[in-house]
Amino acid sequence: MAVVSISVPEELLEQMDDFADEHGYSGRSELLRESARSLMGEFEDSKLEGRHLVATVTVIFEFENSDVEGEMIRMRHENEDTVRSNVHSCIGGDEYCMELFVIEGSLDDVRDFVGSLRSTDGVLSISYSVNPVDDLT
């Protein structure tokens, strides 16, 4: 098995260790392997390929990080063909910002958008749900 070195903020490392202990993982490596498999498999659902989809994507970042907010605005404009709605909210006593995107398009459109969000420095959390809308009637 290959050995890989990664950089992780101390706070995240502590959370990983706590999670591994609480959920019976043998250690960080097992936790990271399972996390990687889960992440890589999340868009592999063959039931979504070729379907017309709608996705809600929630992004959380620190209020003080105006660079992330600028990136969210840029991404909304660059993806105006698939972004149907975007809401900005202050949360956590105005300590954090939340962007909620509604995306409509193909699985590739959703994958690309979520991937771009994930590569944005300063993003603390991303969650989403994907639903087919081509057979709702």
N, C-alpha and C. Protein backbone atom coordinates (compact mmCIF):
# COMPACT_ATOMS: atom_id res chain seq x y z
N MET A 1 0.85 -1.17 0.00
CA MET A 1 0.00 0.00 0.00
C MET A 1 0.89 1.23 0.00
N ALA A 2 0.54 2.24 -0.81
CA ALA A 2 1.32 3.47 -0.89
C ALA A 2 1.11 4.32 0.36
N VAL A 3 2.13 5.06 0.72
CA VAL A 3 2.05 6.00 1.84
C VAL A 3 2.02 7.40 1.25
N VAL A 4 1.06 8.22 1.71
CA VAL A 4 0.86 9.56 1.18
C VAL A 4 0.93 10.56 2.32
N SER A 5 1.56 11.68 2.09
CA SER A 5 1.64 12.75 3.08
C SER A 5 0.68 13.86 2.67
N ILE A 6 -0.14 14.35 3.61
CA ILE A 6 -1.08 15.43 3.33
C ILE A 6 -0.96 16.50 4.41
N SER A 7 -1.37 17.72 4.07
CA SER A 7 -1.41 18.81 5.03
C SER A 7 -2.85 18.99 5.48
N VAL A 8 -3.05 19.03 6.79
CA VAL A 8 -4.39 19.15 7.37
C VAL A 8 -4.31 20.17 8.51
N PRO A 9 -5.24 21.13 8.54
CA PRO A 9 -5.25 22.05 9.68
C PRO A 9 -5.40 21.28 10.99
N GLU A 10 -4.75 21.76 12.04
CA GLU A 10 -4.74 21.08 13.33
C GLU A 10 -6.15 20.79 13.84
N GLU A 11 -7.06 21.76 13.70
CA GLU A 11 -8.44 21.58 14.18
C GLU A 11 -9.13 20.43 13.45
N LEU A 12 -8.93 20.33 12.13
CA LEU A 12 -9.53 19.23 11.37
C LEU A 12 -8.92 17.89 11.78
N LEU A 13 -7.62 17.88 12.01
CA LEU A 13 -6.96 16.66 12.44
C LEU A 13 -7.53 16.17 13.77
N GLU A 14 -7.77 17.08 14.70
CA GLU A 14 -8.37 16.71 15.98
C GLU A 14 -9.79 16.16 15.77
N GLN A 15 -10.55 16.79 14.88
CA GLN A 15 -11.91 16.31 14.60
C GLN A 15 -11.86 14.92 13.98
N MET A 16 -10.90 14.69 13.08
CA MET A 16 -10.75 13.38 12.46
C MET A 16 -10.42 12.32 13.50
N ASP A 17 -9.49 12.64 14.39
CA ASP A 17 -9.10 11.68 15.43
C ASP A 17 -10.28 11.36 16.34
N ASP A 18 -11.02 12.40 16.74
CA ASP A 18 -12.20 12.18 17.59
C ASP A 18 -13.23 11.33 16.87
N PHE A 19 -13.47 11.63 15.61
CA PHE A 19 -14.46 10.88 14.82
C PHE A 19 -14.03 9.42 14.70
N ALA A 20 -12.75 9.20 14.39
CA ALA A 20 -12.24 7.84 14.25
C ALA A 20 -12.42 7.06 15.55
N ASP A 21 -12.10 7.70 16.66
CA ASP A 21 -12.26 7.03 17.97
C ASP A 21 -13.72 6.71 18.26
N GLU A 22 -14.60 7.68 18.03
CA GLU A 22 -16.02 7.52 18.35
C GLU A 22 -16.71 6.49 17.48
N HIS A 23 -16.20 6.29 16.25
CA HIS A 23 -16.89 5.41 15.31
C HIS A 23 -16.13 4.12 15.01
N GLY A 24 -15.13 3.81 15.82
CA GLY A 24 -14.48 2.52 15.73
C GLY A 24 -13.50 2.34 14.58
N TYR A 25 -12.99 3.42 14.01
CA TYR A 25 -11.96 3.29 12.97
C TYR A 25 -10.63 2.94 13.64
N SER A 26 -9.82 2.19 12.93
CA SER A 26 -8.53 1.79 13.50
C SER A 26 -7.55 2.96 13.53
N GLY A 27 -7.82 3.99 12.76
CA GLY A 27 -6.94 5.16 12.75
C GLY A 27 -7.28 6.10 11.61
N ARG A 28 -6.44 7.10 11.45
CA ARG A 28 -6.65 8.13 10.42
C ARG A 28 -6.67 7.54 9.01
N SER A 29 -5.77 6.59 8.75
CA SER A 29 -5.68 6.03 7.40
C SER A 29 -6.99 5.37 6.98
N GLU A 30 -7.56 4.58 7.88
CA GLU A 30 -8.83 3.92 7.56
C GLU A 30 -9.93 4.95 7.32
N LEU A 31 -9.98 5.98 8.16
CA LEU A 31 -10.97 7.04 8.01
C LEU A 31 -10.80 7.75 6.67
N LEU A 32 -9.57 8.09 6.30
CA LEU A 32 -9.32 8.79 5.05
C LEU A 32 -9.61 7.91 3.83
N ARG A 33 -9.30 6.61 3.91
CA ARG A 33 -9.61 5.72 2.79
C ARG A 33 -11.11 5.66 2.55
N GLU A 34 -11.88 5.49 3.64
CA GLU A 34 -13.34 5.43 3.50
C GLU A 34 -13.89 6.77 3.00
N SER A 35 -13.36 7.86 3.50
CA SER A 35 -13.81 9.19 3.06
C SER A 35 -13.54 9.38 1.57
N ALA A 36 -12.37 8.99 1.12
CA ALA A 36 -12.02 9.13 -0.29
C ALA A 36 -12.94 8.28 -1.18
N ARG A 37 -13.20 7.05 -0.76
CA ARG A 37 -14.10 6.19 -1.54
C ARG A 37 -15.50 6.81 -1.62
N SER A 38 -15.95 7.32 -0.52
CA SER A 38 -17.28 7.95 -0.48
C SER A 38 -17.34 9.17 -1.39
N LEU A 39 -16.34 10.02 -1.29
CA LEU A 39 -16.29 11.23 -2.11
C LEU A 39 -16.24 10.89 -3.60
N MET A 40 -15.41 9.94 -3.97
CA MET A 40 -15.27 9.59 -5.38
C MET A 40 -16.51 8.89 -5.92
N GLY A 41 -17.27 8.24 -5.06
CA GLY A 41 -18.45 7.53 -5.51
C GLY A 41 -19.72 8.35 -5.51
N GLU A 42 -19.67 9.55 -4.97
CA GLU A 42 -20.92 10.29 -4.77
C GLU A 42 -21.64 10.67 -6.06
N PHE A 43 -20.91 10.84 -7.14
CA PHE A 43 -21.55 11.18 -8.41
C PHE A 43 -21.56 9.99 -9.37
N GLU A 44 -21.28 8.82 -8.89
CA GLU A 44 -21.20 7.65 -9.75
C GLU A 44 -22.53 6.92 -9.91
N ASP A 45 -23.59 7.50 -9.42
CA ASP A 45 -24.90 6.86 -9.49
C ASP A 45 -25.37 6.79 -10.94
N SER A 46 -25.35 5.61 -11.51
CA SER A 46 -25.73 5.45 -12.92
C SER A 46 -27.18 5.84 -13.16
N LYS A 47 -28.00 5.87 -12.12
CA LYS A 47 -29.39 6.28 -12.27
C LYS A 47 -29.53 7.76 -12.61
N LEU A 48 -28.48 8.54 -12.41
CA LEU A 48 -28.53 9.98 -12.68
C LEU A 48 -27.93 10.35 -14.04
N GLU A 49 -27.15 9.45 -14.63
CA GLU A 49 -26.53 9.73 -15.93
C GLU A 49 -27.61 9.97 -16.98
N GLY A 50 -27.42 11.01 -17.77
CA GLY A 50 -28.34 11.32 -18.86
C GLY A 50 -29.68 11.88 -18.43
N ARG A 51 -29.83 12.18 -17.16
CA ARG A 51 -31.10 12.70 -16.63
C ARG A 51 -31.03 14.21 -16.51
N HIS A 52 -32.21 14.82 -16.51
CA HIS A 52 -32.33 16.25 -16.24
C HIS A 52 -32.45 16.39 -14.72
N LEU A 53 -31.51 17.14 -14.10
CA LEU A 53 -31.40 17.17 -12.65
C LEU A 53 -31.58 18.59 -12.10
N VAL A 54 -31.97 18.64 -10.84
CA VAL A 54 -31.91 19.87 -10.07
C VAL A 54 -31.12 19.54 -8.81
N ALA A 55 -30.24 20.45 -8.43
CA ALA A 55 -29.42 20.24 -7.24
C ALA A 55 -29.47 21.49 -6.37
N THR A 56 -29.52 21.29 -5.07
CA THR A 56 -29.34 22.39 -4.14
C THR A 56 -27.94 22.23 -3.55
N VAL A 57 -27.21 23.31 -3.53
CA VAL A 57 -25.83 23.29 -3.04
C VAL A 57 -25.68 24.38 -1.99
N THR A 58 -25.24 24.00 -0.81
CA THR A 58 -25.05 24.94 0.30
C THR A 58 -23.56 25.07 0.58
N VAL A 59 -23.10 26.32 0.64
CA VAL A 59 -21.69 26.61 0.89
C VAL A 59 -21.61 27.50 2.12
N ILE A 60 -20.72 27.18 3.05
CA ILE A 60 -20.53 28.01 4.24
C ILE A 60 -19.07 28.47 4.30
N PHE A 61 -18.90 29.75 4.61
CA PHE A 61 -17.57 30.33 4.76
C PHE A 61 -17.61 31.43 5.81
N GLU A 62 -16.44 31.85 6.27
CA GLU A 62 -16.38 32.88 7.31
C GLU A 62 -16.78 34.24 6.74
N PHE A 63 -17.52 34.99 7.52
CA PHE A 63 -17.99 36.32 7.13
C PHE A 63 -16.83 37.22 6.73
N GLU A 64 -15.75 37.13 7.45
CA GLU A 64 -14.60 38.01 7.22
C GLU A 64 -13.87 37.73 5.91
N ASN A 65 -14.18 36.61 5.26
CA ASN A 65 -13.45 36.21 4.05
C ASN A 65 -14.18 36.70 2.80
N SER A 66 -13.93 37.96 2.45
CA SER A 66 -14.61 38.54 1.28
C SER A 66 -14.14 37.93 -0.03
N ASP A 67 -12.96 37.29 -0.03
CA ASP A 67 -12.48 36.63 -1.25
C ASP A 67 -13.42 35.51 -1.66
N VAL A 68 -13.92 34.74 -0.69
CA VAL A 68 -14.83 33.65 -1.00
C VAL A 68 -16.14 34.21 -1.54
N GLU A 69 -16.65 35.26 -0.92
CA GLU A 69 -17.90 35.85 -1.41
C GLU A 69 -17.73 36.33 -2.85
N GLY A 70 -16.60 36.93 -3.16
CA GLY A 70 -16.33 37.33 -4.54
C GLY A 70 -16.30 36.15 -5.49
N GLU A 71 -15.72 35.04 -5.04
CA GLU A 71 -15.70 33.83 -5.86
C GLU A 71 -17.11 33.29 -6.09
N MET A 72 -17.96 33.35 -5.08
CA MET A 72 -19.35 32.88 -5.22
C MET A 72 -20.08 33.72 -6.27
N ILE A 73 -19.88 35.02 -6.24
CA ILE A 73 -20.50 35.91 -7.23
C ILE A 73 -19.98 35.58 -8.63
N ARG A 74 -18.67 35.41 -8.75
CA ARG A 74 -18.07 35.08 -10.05
C ARG A 74 -18.63 33.77 -10.59
N MET A 75 -18.72 32.76 -9.72
CA MET A 75 -19.21 31.46 -10.16
C MET A 75 -20.68 31.53 -10.57
N ARG A 76 -21.47 32.30 -9.84
CA ARG A 76 -22.88 32.46 -10.21
C ARG A 76 -22.99 33.04 -11.62
N HIS A 77 -22.20 34.04 -11.90
CA HIS A 77 -22.26 34.67 -13.22
C HIS A 77 -21.69 33.78 -14.33
N GLU A 78 -20.61 33.08 -14.04
CA GLU A 78 -20.01 32.20 -15.04
C GLU A 78 -20.88 30.99 -15.35
N ASN A 79 -21.80 30.65 -14.44
CA ASN A 79 -22.65 29.48 -14.62
C ASN A 79 -24.12 29.87 -14.73
N GLU A 80 -24.38 31.03 -15.29
CA GLU A 80 -25.76 31.52 -15.33
C GLU A 80 -26.69 30.65 -16.17
N ASP A 81 -26.12 29.79 -17.02
CA ASP A 81 -26.96 28.87 -17.80
C ASP A 81 -27.49 27.72 -16.95
N THR A 82 -26.85 27.44 -15.80
CA THR A 82 -27.32 26.35 -14.94
C THR A 82 -27.75 26.81 -13.55
N VAL A 83 -27.27 27.96 -13.09
CA VAL A 83 -27.67 28.47 -11.77
C VAL A 83 -29.05 29.11 -11.90
N ARG A 84 -30.04 28.49 -11.27
CA ARG A 84 -31.41 29.00 -11.34
C ARG A 84 -31.71 29.99 -10.23
N SER A 85 -31.02 29.82 -9.10
CA SER A 85 -31.27 30.69 -7.96
C SER A 85 -30.04 30.70 -7.08
N ASN A 86 -29.85 31.80 -6.38
CA ASN A 86 -28.74 31.93 -5.44
C ASN A 86 -29.18 32.84 -4.31
N VAL A 87 -29.00 32.38 -3.09
CA VAL A 87 -29.38 33.15 -1.90
C VAL A 87 -28.17 33.26 -1.00
N HIS A 88 -27.92 34.47 -0.51
CA HIS A 88 -26.85 34.70 0.46
C HIS A 88 -27.48 35.00 1.81
N SER A 89 -26.98 34.36 2.86
CA SER A 89 -27.49 34.60 4.21
C SER A 89 -26.33 34.70 5.19
N CYS A 90 -26.50 35.55 6.19
CA CYS A 90 -25.56 35.61 7.31
C CYS A 90 -26.08 34.65 8.37
N ILE A 91 -25.20 33.81 8.90
CA ILE A 91 -25.61 32.80 9.88
C ILE A 91 -24.62 32.79 11.05
N GLY A 92 -24.99 32.08 12.09
CA GLY A 92 -24.09 31.93 13.23
C GLY A 92 -23.77 33.25 13.90
N GLY A 93 -24.78 34.08 14.08
CA GLY A 93 -24.54 35.38 14.71
C GLY A 93 -23.67 36.27 13.85
N ASP A 94 -23.83 36.16 12.55
CA ASP A 94 -23.07 36.94 11.56
C ASP A 94 -21.58 36.58 11.51
N GLU A 95 -21.22 35.45 12.08
CA GLU A 95 -19.84 35.00 12.02
C GLU A 95 -19.53 34.30 10.69
N TYR A 96 -20.59 33.73 10.08
CA TYR A 96 -20.43 32.97 8.85
C TYR A 96 -21.40 33.47 7.79
N CYS A 97 -21.08 33.13 6.55
CA CYS A 97 -21.98 33.37 5.43
C CYS A 97 -22.37 32.03 4.83
N MET A 98 -23.56 31.99 4.28
CA MET A 98 -24.04 30.79 3.60
C MET A 98 -24.54 31.20 2.22
N GLU A 99 -24.10 30.48 1.23
CA GLU A 99 -24.60 30.64 -0.13
C GLU A 99 -25.40 29.38 -0.45
N LEU A 100 -26.61 29.57 -0.94
CA LEU A 100 -27.44 28.46 -1.37
C LEU A 100 -27.66 28.62 -2.87
N PHE A 101 -27.25 27.62 -3.63
CA PHE A 101 -27.41 27.62 -5.08
C PHE A 101 -28.43 26.56 -5.47
N VAL A 102 -29.26 26.87 -6.45
CA VAL A 102 -30.11 25.89 -7.09
C VAL A 102 -29.56 25.75 -8.51
N ILE A 103 -29.14 24.53 -8.85
CA ILE A 103 -28.52 24.24 -10.14
C ILE A 103 -29.46 23.33 -10.92
N GLU A 104 -29.62 23.60 -12.20
CA GLU A 104 -30.43 22.74 -13.06
C GLU A 104 -29.61 22.38 -14.28
N GLY A 105 -29.54 21.07 -14.57
CA GLY A 105 -28.79 20.63 -15.74
C GLY A 105 -28.46 19.16 -15.66
N SER A 106 -27.36 18.81 -16.29
CA SER A 106 -26.94 17.41 -16.35
C SER A 106 -26.08 17.07 -15.13
N LEU A 107 -25.77 15.78 -14.98
CA LEU A 107 -24.90 15.34 -13.90
C LEU A 107 -23.53 16.00 -14.03
N ASP A 108 -23.03 16.13 -15.25
CA ASP A 108 -21.74 16.80 -15.46
C ASP A 108 -21.80 18.26 -15.01
N ASP A 109 -22.92 18.94 -15.28
CA ASP A 109 -23.07 20.33 -14.83
C ASP A 109 -22.97 20.42 -13.32
N VAL A 110 -23.65 19.53 -12.63
CA VAL A 110 -23.64 19.52 -11.16
C VAL A 110 -22.25 19.18 -10.65
N ARG A 111 -21.63 18.14 -11.22
CA ARG A 111 -20.28 17.74 -10.82
C ARG A 111 -19.30 18.90 -10.97
N ASP A 112 -19.35 19.56 -12.12
CA ASP A 112 -18.42 20.65 -12.39
C ASP A 112 -18.61 21.80 -11.41
N PHE A 113 -19.85 22.15 -11.14
CA PHE A 113 -20.13 23.26 -10.24
C PHE A 113 -19.66 22.94 -8.82
N VAL A 114 -20.01 21.76 -8.31
CA VAL A 114 -19.60 21.37 -6.96
C VAL A 114 -18.08 21.26 -6.89
N GLY A 115 -17.46 20.74 -7.93
CA GLY A 115 -16.00 20.64 -7.96
C GLY A 115 -15.33 22.01 -7.90
N SER A 116 -15.90 22.98 -8.61
CA SER A 116 -15.36 24.35 -8.56
C SER A 116 -15.50 24.94 -7.17
N LEU A 117 -16.62 24.69 -6.53
CA LEU A 117 -16.81 25.18 -5.17
C LEU A 117 -15.79 24.56 -4.22
N ARG A 118 -15.57 23.26 -4.36
CA ARG A 118 -14.64 22.56 -3.48
C ARG A 118 -13.21 23.09 -3.62
N SER A 119 -12.87 23.57 -4.79
CA SER A 119 -11.50 24.05 -5.00
C SER A 119 -11.34 25.52 -4.61
N THR A 120 -12.37 26.12 -4.06
CA THR A 120 -12.31 27.52 -3.65
C THR A 120 -11.70 27.62 -2.25
N ASP A 121 -10.58 28.32 -2.14
CA ASP A 121 -9.93 28.51 -0.84
C ASP A 121 -10.86 29.28 0.09
N GLY A 122 -10.93 28.83 1.32
CA GLY A 122 -11.72 29.52 2.33
C GLY A 122 -13.10 28.94 2.56
N VAL A 123 -13.53 28.02 1.70
CA VAL A 123 -14.83 27.37 1.90
C VAL A 123 -14.70 26.40 3.07
N LEU A 124 -15.59 26.50 4.04
CA LEU A 124 -15.55 25.65 5.22
C LEU A 124 -16.37 24.38 5.06
N SER A 125 -17.49 24.47 4.33
CA SER A 125 -18.40 23.34 4.22
C SER A 125 -19.19 23.43 2.94
N ILE A 126 -19.41 22.28 2.31
CA ILE A 126 -20.27 22.19 1.13
C ILE A 126 -21.16 20.96 1.33
N SER A 127 -22.45 21.15 1.13
CA SER A 127 -23.37 20.01 1.13
C SER A 127 -24.33 20.21 -0.03
N TYR A 128 -24.90 19.13 -0.50
CA TYR A 128 -25.79 19.23 -1.67
C TYR A 128 -26.70 18.04 -1.73
N SER A 129 -27.75 18.20 -2.50
CA SER A 129 -28.61 17.09 -2.85
C SER A 129 -28.93 17.19 -4.33
N VAL A 130 -29.08 16.04 -4.97
CA VAL A 130 -29.33 15.97 -6.39
C VAL A 130 -30.60 15.16 -6.62
N ASN A 131 -31.49 15.71 -7.44
CA ASN A 131 -32.76 15.03 -7.73
C ASN A 131 -33.07 15.11 -9.22
N PRO A 132 -33.49 13.98 -9.81
CA PRO A 132 -33.94 14.03 -11.20
C PRO A 132 -35.29 14.73 -11.27
N VAL A 133 -35.49 15.53 -12.31
CA VAL A 133 -36.78 16.23 -12.47
C VAL A 133 -37.47 15.85 -13.78
N ASP A 134 -36.89 14.90 -14.51
CA ASP A 134 -37.46 14.57 -15.81
C ASP A 134 -38.60 13.54 -15.73
N ASP A 135 -38.87 13.01 -14.56
CA ASP A 135 -39.96 12.03 -14.46
C ASP A 135 -40.88 12.32 -13.27
N LEU A 136 -41.08 13.59 -12.96
CA LEU A 136 -41.90 13.96 -11.82
C LEU A 136 -43.39 13.87 -12.10
N THR A 137 -43.77 13.80 -13.36
CA THR A 137 -45.21 13.76 -13.67
C THR A 137 -45.73 12.36 -13.72
